[in-house]
N, C-alpha and C. Protein backbone atom coordinates (compact mmCIF):
# COMPACT_ATOMS: atom_id res chain seq x y z
N MET A 1 203.98 -16.96 -13.89
CA MET A 1 202.85 -17.50 -14.47
C MET A 1 203.10 -18.98 -14.64
N SER A 2 202.16 -19.75 -14.07
CA SER A 2 202.32 -21.22 -14.13
C SER A 2 201.65 -21.76 -15.45
N ARG A 3 202.23 -22.86 -15.84
CA ARG A 3 201.73 -23.45 -17.09
C ARG A 3 200.94 -24.71 -16.72
N ALA A 4 199.89 -24.96 -17.52
CA ALA A 4 199.05 -26.10 -17.31
C ALA A 4 199.86 -27.41 -17.51
N THR A 5 199.63 -28.38 -16.65
CA THR A 5 200.23 -29.66 -16.85
C THR A 5 199.18 -30.81 -16.97
N ALA A 6 199.53 -31.83 -17.65
CA ALA A 6 198.63 -32.93 -17.87
C ALA A 6 199.40 -34.22 -17.37
N THR A 7 198.69 -35.07 -16.64
CA THR A 7 199.24 -36.28 -16.19
C THR A 7 198.89 -37.32 -17.25
N THR A 8 199.83 -38.09 -17.72
CA THR A 8 199.70 -39.09 -18.72
C THR A 8 200.10 -40.48 -18.16
N PHE A 9 199.26 -41.49 -18.32
CA PHE A 9 199.51 -42.82 -17.93
C PHE A 9 199.65 -43.67 -19.22
N GLY A 10 200.60 -44.61 -19.14
CA GLY A 10 200.69 -45.48 -20.38
C GLY A 10 201.69 -46.62 -20.16
N GLY A 11 201.98 -47.22 -21.19
CA GLY A 11 202.94 -48.35 -21.24
C GLY A 11 203.66 -48.41 -22.49
N ASP A 12 204.90 -48.88 -22.45
CA ASP A 12 205.70 -48.88 -23.64
C ASP A 12 206.70 -50.04 -23.47
N GLN A 13 207.54 -50.20 -24.48
CA GLN A 13 208.62 -51.14 -24.43
C GLN A 13 209.82 -50.57 -23.66
N ALA A 14 210.58 -51.48 -23.06
CA ALA A 14 211.85 -51.00 -22.52
C ALA A 14 212.81 -50.85 -23.66
N GLN A 15 213.95 -50.30 -23.46
CA GLN A 15 214.93 -50.22 -24.54
C GLN A 15 215.23 -51.49 -25.12
N GLY A 16 215.26 -51.57 -26.41
CA GLY A 16 215.59 -52.82 -27.07
C GLY A 16 214.62 -53.10 -28.24
N LEU A 17 214.52 -54.29 -28.62
CA LEU A 17 213.69 -54.66 -29.72
C LEU A 17 212.18 -54.62 -29.32
N PRO A 18 211.24 -54.48 -30.21
CA PRO A 18 209.83 -54.35 -29.86
C PRO A 18 209.37 -55.67 -29.28
N PHE A 19 209.93 -56.77 -29.64
CA PHE A 19 209.48 -58.08 -29.12
C PHE A 19 210.54 -58.55 -28.17
N GLY A 20 210.10 -59.07 -27.02
CA GLY A 20 210.93 -59.59 -26.01
C GLY A 20 211.42 -58.62 -24.91
N SER A 21 211.07 -57.38 -25.07
CA SER A 21 211.47 -56.47 -23.94
C SER A 21 210.42 -56.30 -22.96
N PRO A 22 210.73 -55.97 -21.77
CA PRO A 22 209.67 -55.82 -20.72
C PRO A 22 208.64 -54.68 -21.04
N LEU A 23 207.43 -54.91 -20.69
CA LEU A 23 206.41 -53.83 -20.79
C LEU A 23 206.57 -52.93 -19.62
N VAL A 24 206.89 -51.66 -19.98
CA VAL A 24 207.16 -50.67 -18.88
C VAL A 24 205.99 -49.76 -18.69
N LEU A 25 205.51 -49.56 -17.49
CA LEU A 25 204.36 -48.73 -17.23
C LEU A 25 204.94 -47.33 -16.77
N TYR A 26 204.22 -46.30 -17.09
CA TYR A 26 204.71 -45.05 -16.63
C TYR A 26 203.49 -44.08 -16.30
N GLU A 27 203.84 -43.11 -15.49
CA GLU A 27 202.99 -41.92 -15.23
C GLU A 27 203.86 -40.74 -15.33
N GLU A 28 203.57 -39.83 -16.23
CA GLU A 28 204.44 -38.61 -16.46
C GLU A 28 203.54 -37.37 -16.45
N ARG A 29 204.21 -36.28 -16.07
CA ARG A 29 203.46 -35.00 -16.08
C ARG A 29 204.13 -34.12 -17.15
N TYR A 30 203.42 -33.56 -18.03
CA TYR A 30 203.95 -32.76 -19.09
C TYR A 30 203.33 -31.34 -19.06
N THR A 31 204.11 -30.34 -19.20
CA THR A 31 203.58 -29.00 -19.31
C THR A 31 203.28 -28.71 -20.81
N ALA A 32 202.35 -27.82 -21.02
CA ALA A 32 201.97 -27.56 -22.36
C ALA A 32 203.19 -27.02 -23.15
N GLY A 33 203.48 -27.45 -24.28
CA GLY A 33 204.63 -26.98 -25.09
C GLY A 33 205.97 -27.65 -24.77
N HIS A 34 206.03 -28.53 -23.76
CA HIS A 34 207.22 -29.27 -23.38
C HIS A 34 207.61 -30.22 -24.52
N GLY A 35 208.87 -30.32 -24.84
CA GLY A 35 209.37 -31.20 -25.91
C GLY A 35 208.85 -32.63 -25.83
N ASP A 36 208.92 -33.16 -24.62
CA ASP A 36 208.54 -34.52 -24.44
C ASP A 36 206.99 -34.78 -24.60
N ALA A 37 206.20 -33.69 -24.63
CA ALA A 37 204.80 -33.80 -24.78
C ALA A 37 204.47 -33.88 -26.24
N HIS A 38 205.39 -33.63 -27.19
CA HIS A 38 205.10 -33.63 -28.63
C HIS A 38 204.66 -35.07 -29.03
N GLY A 39 203.49 -35.11 -29.61
CA GLY A 39 202.92 -36.36 -30.13
C GLY A 39 202.15 -37.15 -29.07
N VAL A 40 202.11 -36.65 -27.86
CA VAL A 40 201.33 -37.41 -26.82
C VAL A 40 199.86 -36.99 -27.00
N VAL A 41 198.97 -37.98 -27.05
CA VAL A 41 197.55 -37.68 -27.14
C VAL A 41 197.01 -37.59 -25.72
N VAL A 42 196.40 -36.43 -25.45
CA VAL A 42 195.84 -36.19 -24.09
C VAL A 42 194.29 -36.29 -24.26
N LEU A 43 193.74 -37.20 -23.46
CA LEU A 43 192.31 -37.32 -23.43
C LEU A 43 191.84 -36.58 -22.18
N ARG A 44 190.92 -35.68 -22.42
CA ARG A 44 190.40 -34.89 -21.32
C ARG A 44 189.50 -35.83 -20.55
N LEU A 45 189.38 -35.55 -19.23
CA LEU A 45 188.56 -36.36 -18.40
C LEU A 45 187.11 -36.33 -18.89
N ALA A 46 186.60 -37.43 -19.31
CA ALA A 46 185.25 -37.53 -19.99
C ALA A 46 184.24 -37.94 -19.02
N TRP A 47 184.54 -38.08 -17.70
CA TRP A 47 183.59 -38.53 -16.72
C TRP A 47 183.43 -37.37 -15.67
N PRO A 48 182.63 -36.39 -15.95
CA PRO A 48 182.61 -35.12 -15.14
C PRO A 48 182.13 -35.35 -13.68
N ASN A 49 181.38 -36.44 -13.39
CA ASN A 49 180.92 -36.60 -12.01
C ASN A 49 181.95 -37.44 -11.13
N ILE A 50 183.15 -37.73 -11.66
CA ILE A 50 184.11 -38.47 -10.94
C ILE A 50 185.35 -37.49 -10.85
N THR A 51 185.86 -37.43 -9.54
CA THR A 51 187.02 -36.49 -9.47
C THR A 51 188.31 -37.13 -10.07
N ALA A 52 189.11 -36.24 -10.47
CA ALA A 52 190.40 -36.73 -11.02
C ALA A 52 191.25 -37.54 -10.10
N GLU A 53 191.19 -37.26 -8.77
CA GLU A 53 191.92 -38.05 -7.75
C GLU A 53 191.41 -39.43 -7.68
N ILE A 54 190.20 -39.71 -7.76
CA ILE A 54 189.59 -41.01 -7.79
C ILE A 54 190.13 -41.86 -8.96
N VAL A 55 190.12 -41.16 -10.18
CA VAL A 55 190.61 -41.84 -11.34
C VAL A 55 192.09 -42.10 -11.25
N ARG A 56 192.82 -41.10 -10.73
CA ARG A 56 194.31 -41.27 -10.66
C ARG A 56 194.62 -42.47 -9.65
N THR A 57 193.90 -42.53 -8.53
CA THR A 57 194.14 -43.58 -7.61
C THR A 57 193.84 -44.95 -8.22
N SER A 58 192.76 -45.05 -8.90
CA SER A 58 192.39 -46.32 -9.59
C SER A 58 193.42 -46.64 -10.64
N PHE A 59 193.84 -45.72 -11.37
CA PHE A 59 194.92 -46.01 -12.44
C PHE A 59 196.17 -46.51 -11.75
N ARG A 60 196.59 -45.88 -10.70
CA ARG A 60 197.81 -46.26 -10.03
C ARG A 60 197.70 -47.70 -9.47
N THR A 61 196.54 -48.02 -8.96
CA THR A 61 196.32 -49.39 -8.35
C THR A 61 196.45 -50.39 -9.45
N THR A 62 195.74 -50.10 -10.59
CA THR A 62 195.75 -51.03 -11.77
C THR A 62 197.14 -51.13 -12.31
N GLN A 63 197.91 -50.05 -12.39
CA GLN A 63 199.27 -50.18 -12.90
C GLN A 63 200.11 -51.07 -12.01
N SER A 64 199.87 -51.04 -10.72
CA SER A 64 200.61 -51.91 -9.74
C SER A 64 200.28 -53.39 -10.13
N ARG A 65 198.98 -53.61 -10.31
CA ARG A 65 198.57 -55.06 -10.66
C ARG A 65 199.16 -55.53 -11.95
N ILE A 66 199.18 -54.65 -12.95
CA ILE A 66 199.77 -55.01 -14.29
C ILE A 66 201.28 -55.16 -14.11
N GLY A 67 201.88 -54.31 -13.36
CA GLY A 67 203.38 -54.41 -13.18
C GLY A 67 203.80 -55.72 -12.44
N ALA A 68 202.94 -56.24 -11.60
CA ALA A 68 203.27 -57.42 -10.90
C ALA A 68 203.23 -58.71 -11.74
N LEU A 69 202.67 -58.53 -12.98
CA LEU A 69 202.65 -59.68 -13.88
C LEU A 69 203.94 -59.88 -14.66
N ASN A 70 204.79 -58.76 -14.62
CA ASN A 70 206.08 -58.89 -15.38
C ASN A 70 205.89 -59.31 -16.80
N LEU A 71 205.07 -58.56 -17.51
CA LEU A 71 204.69 -58.92 -18.90
C LEU A 71 205.81 -58.48 -19.89
N ILE A 72 205.76 -59.10 -21.02
CA ILE A 72 206.67 -58.80 -22.15
C ILE A 72 205.88 -57.89 -23.15
N TYR A 73 206.50 -56.86 -23.55
CA TYR A 73 205.84 -55.92 -24.62
C TYR A 73 205.64 -56.68 -25.90
N ASN A 74 204.56 -56.43 -26.52
CA ASN A 74 204.25 -56.96 -27.91
C ASN A 74 203.54 -55.78 -28.62
N PRO A 75 204.06 -55.30 -29.71
CA PRO A 75 203.42 -54.12 -30.43
C PRO A 75 201.97 -54.43 -30.95
N LEU A 76 201.64 -55.71 -31.01
CA LEU A 76 200.28 -56.01 -31.53
C LEU A 76 199.27 -56.39 -30.40
N THR A 77 199.79 -56.62 -29.20
CA THR A 77 198.83 -57.05 -28.12
C THR A 77 199.18 -56.21 -26.87
N ARG A 78 200.18 -56.60 -26.17
CA ARG A 78 200.49 -55.92 -24.84
C ARG A 78 201.17 -54.68 -25.15
N ASN A 79 200.58 -53.60 -25.37
CA ASN A 79 201.22 -52.38 -25.74
C ASN A 79 200.50 -51.24 -25.03
N CYS A 80 200.80 -49.97 -25.39
CA CYS A 80 200.26 -48.84 -24.67
C CYS A 80 198.72 -48.75 -24.84
N ASN A 81 198.19 -49.22 -26.03
CA ASN A 81 196.69 -49.15 -26.17
C ASN A 81 196.04 -50.14 -25.17
N MET A 82 196.62 -51.29 -24.94
CA MET A 82 195.96 -52.28 -24.07
C MET A 82 196.18 -51.80 -22.62
N VAL A 83 197.32 -51.11 -22.31
CA VAL A 83 197.52 -50.65 -20.93
C VAL A 83 196.43 -49.58 -20.60
N VAL A 84 196.24 -48.57 -21.51
CA VAL A 84 195.30 -47.54 -21.30
C VAL A 84 193.87 -48.09 -21.25
N SER A 85 193.54 -49.02 -22.09
CA SER A 85 192.23 -49.71 -22.07
C SER A 85 191.98 -50.34 -20.72
N THR A 86 192.96 -51.09 -20.26
CA THR A 86 192.86 -51.73 -18.95
C THR A 86 192.66 -50.73 -17.79
N LEU A 87 193.36 -49.62 -17.82
CA LEU A 87 193.25 -48.60 -16.72
C LEU A 87 191.89 -48.03 -16.75
N VAL A 88 191.29 -47.69 -17.97
CA VAL A 88 189.95 -47.16 -17.97
C VAL A 88 188.91 -48.26 -17.56
N LEU A 89 188.97 -49.43 -18.10
CA LEU A 89 187.99 -50.43 -17.81
C LEU A 89 188.06 -50.88 -16.33
N GLN A 90 189.23 -50.96 -15.74
CA GLN A 90 189.31 -51.35 -14.34
C GLN A 90 188.80 -50.22 -13.39
N ALA A 91 188.73 -49.06 -13.89
CA ALA A 91 188.21 -47.91 -13.17
C ALA A 91 186.68 -47.91 -13.19
N GLY A 92 186.16 -48.83 -14.06
CA GLY A 92 184.68 -48.90 -14.23
C GLY A 92 184.11 -47.82 -15.09
N LEU A 93 185.03 -47.31 -15.96
CA LEU A 93 184.58 -46.20 -16.83
C LEU A 93 184.37 -46.76 -18.28
N ALA A 94 183.55 -46.01 -18.97
CA ALA A 94 183.28 -46.43 -20.42
C ALA A 94 184.46 -46.03 -21.25
N LEU A 95 184.91 -46.96 -22.07
CA LEU A 95 186.07 -46.67 -22.95
C LEU A 95 185.52 -45.92 -24.19
N PRO A 96 186.10 -44.77 -24.49
CA PRO A 96 185.64 -44.03 -25.70
C PRO A 96 185.99 -44.79 -26.93
N PRO A 97 185.28 -44.44 -28.02
CA PRO A 97 185.67 -45.17 -29.33
C PRO A 97 187.15 -44.91 -29.62
N PRO A 98 187.75 -45.84 -30.37
CA PRO A 98 189.14 -45.69 -30.69
C PRO A 98 189.40 -44.45 -31.53
N PRO A 99 190.38 -43.61 -31.23
CA PRO A 99 190.62 -42.36 -32.00
C PRO A 99 191.22 -42.56 -33.36
N ALA A 100 191.63 -43.84 -33.66
CA ALA A 100 192.22 -44.12 -34.94
C ALA A 100 191.64 -45.47 -35.39
N ARG A 101 191.83 -45.77 -36.74
CA ARG A 101 191.28 -46.98 -37.25
C ARG A 101 191.99 -48.27 -36.86
N PHE A 102 193.33 -48.21 -36.87
CA PHE A 102 194.08 -49.33 -36.54
C PHE A 102 194.81 -49.05 -35.16
N MET A 103 194.31 -49.66 -34.16
CA MET A 103 194.88 -49.51 -32.81
C MET A 103 194.97 -50.90 -32.10
N PRO A 104 195.95 -51.68 -32.37
CA PRO A 104 196.05 -53.08 -31.79
C PRO A 104 196.04 -52.93 -30.30
N GLY A 105 195.22 -53.78 -29.68
CA GLY A 105 195.18 -53.92 -28.19
C GLY A 105 194.13 -53.00 -27.65
N TYR A 106 193.57 -52.06 -28.41
CA TYR A 106 192.66 -51.05 -27.85
C TYR A 106 191.36 -51.80 -27.50
N GLY A 107 190.79 -51.54 -26.39
CA GLY A 107 189.55 -52.16 -25.96
C GLY A 107 189.72 -53.49 -25.25
N GLN A 108 190.92 -54.00 -25.17
CA GLN A 108 191.19 -55.28 -24.51
C GLN A 108 191.81 -54.95 -23.15
N SER A 109 191.51 -55.86 -22.22
CA SER A 109 192.06 -55.67 -20.84
C SER A 109 193.14 -56.72 -20.54
N ILE A 110 194.19 -56.29 -19.97
CA ILE A 110 195.23 -57.23 -19.50
C ILE A 110 194.83 -57.97 -18.31
N LEU A 111 193.99 -57.44 -17.47
CA LEU A 111 193.58 -58.14 -16.26
C LEU A 111 192.23 -58.82 -16.45
């Protein structure tokens, strides 16, 4: 019996202090119940008339563009919220309302 997986895109700090370390981009696949998936927020595809492959291709292209900038992580600006916002906005999709009240970088684009 196969388990469902979810592909997650994001950005985080490299090992080290939150200020001054490189912004690291990632794409990971998690199976339901996997230990690394604990605490990961998975947003279901909210754009039903666009295939997941089109979105995934756009996200990967945008990740390459962000990665080429060699940015430094900042927990208040260049963080996972800003990376995800950039991926969604560059794909030409509407960004959903923030899921929490305080989300620095959410809604802002790196590009």
